[in-house]
Amino acid sequence: MPTANVNPKRNTHPCFYAGASGRYGRIHLPVAPSCNIQCFYCRRDYDCPNENRPGVATRVLQPEEALARLEKTLSEMPHISVAAVAGPGDAFSDPEATLRTFELIRRKNAEIALCVSTNGLNVAKYIPHLRDLDVRFVTITVNAIDVNVGRLLYKWVKVEDGVLQGTEAAGVLISRQLEAITLLKNANITVKVNTVVVPGANEDHALFLAGKMGRLKVDLMNFLPLIPLAGTDMAHITPPDSGRMKKLRLLAGRQVAQMHHCERCRSDAVGRLKENTPGGTEQKYGYESI
């Protein structure tokens, strides 16, 4: 098992520390509209107030709007301890908006923890910027470390020279993800890895993946069962049941610490984790009043 991370703010991050989830809250600032990869299971949605899952937001905010939303929310919900960029696209597909948001926040607030979620394709070059802005938490979604598994999950990957598909796309993405995790850990940034578990694709690969994440000293791993979405290539797949997920987490926990309290939050979620519900804080603290 990896040694405990020394990040002093971890104990107030409700996603990275289960003991904080009932006391502290988070706010997701949806400033990232586009994505540089397409997963077979993913569908981003906007103007969608009643669906609770990653990739969903009422609308995308400009960085200045995100700062205004954060300041208003903090005045009404002082238990918010973390401000994050978690979509609805990838935070480093449009890195300028993500970094600008963090810069604006840091000018006003030196204390709040900053967090970002990404697929890892394009984050490595921005790690010095994250360090300068005191972004201490990064989540990377890693679904495979074998290209023959990855090709079943990724439809395409956009890189500098164009759009890749198949094992070539998976190979580039996996290589960059592993490099990013290594660099993030070398920079003393707390790293969580999310893995979407898809029967028939990576379910039997998951424990092998967990072993690799443990060897890379990832701080926390989060297995997420597939959400079959209409209009995607994996809409027909039955997700793993709770018993299967519990067993995977138990076995993987021998390799790397496991998250057991994830609520699969929206990209504009706000409040404590259990408040990520339809008609809840996303509407109460929505955009109309900014």
Foldseek 3Di string as FASTA:
>chain_A
DFDAFPPPCQCCDCQNHVVNQVQAKAFFAAAAEAAQFDWLQDDAEECDQADWFARYYPDHDALVLSLVLVVVVCVVGVRHQEYEHRYNYFCQVPVVRNLSNLVVCCVPDVGRAYEYEGQQLGCQVCLVSCVVSRNQEYEHEDAALQLQLVLNTTQWGADPVGIDHGSVRVNSSNVRNLVNLLSSVVSSHAYEYEYEQFPPRCVVVLLVVLQVCLVSSHAEYEYHWRDQDPPGNRVPGDTDDPVSVVVSQVSSCVRHHYGDDALNGYSGDIDRRVQRHRPGPCVVSHSPVD
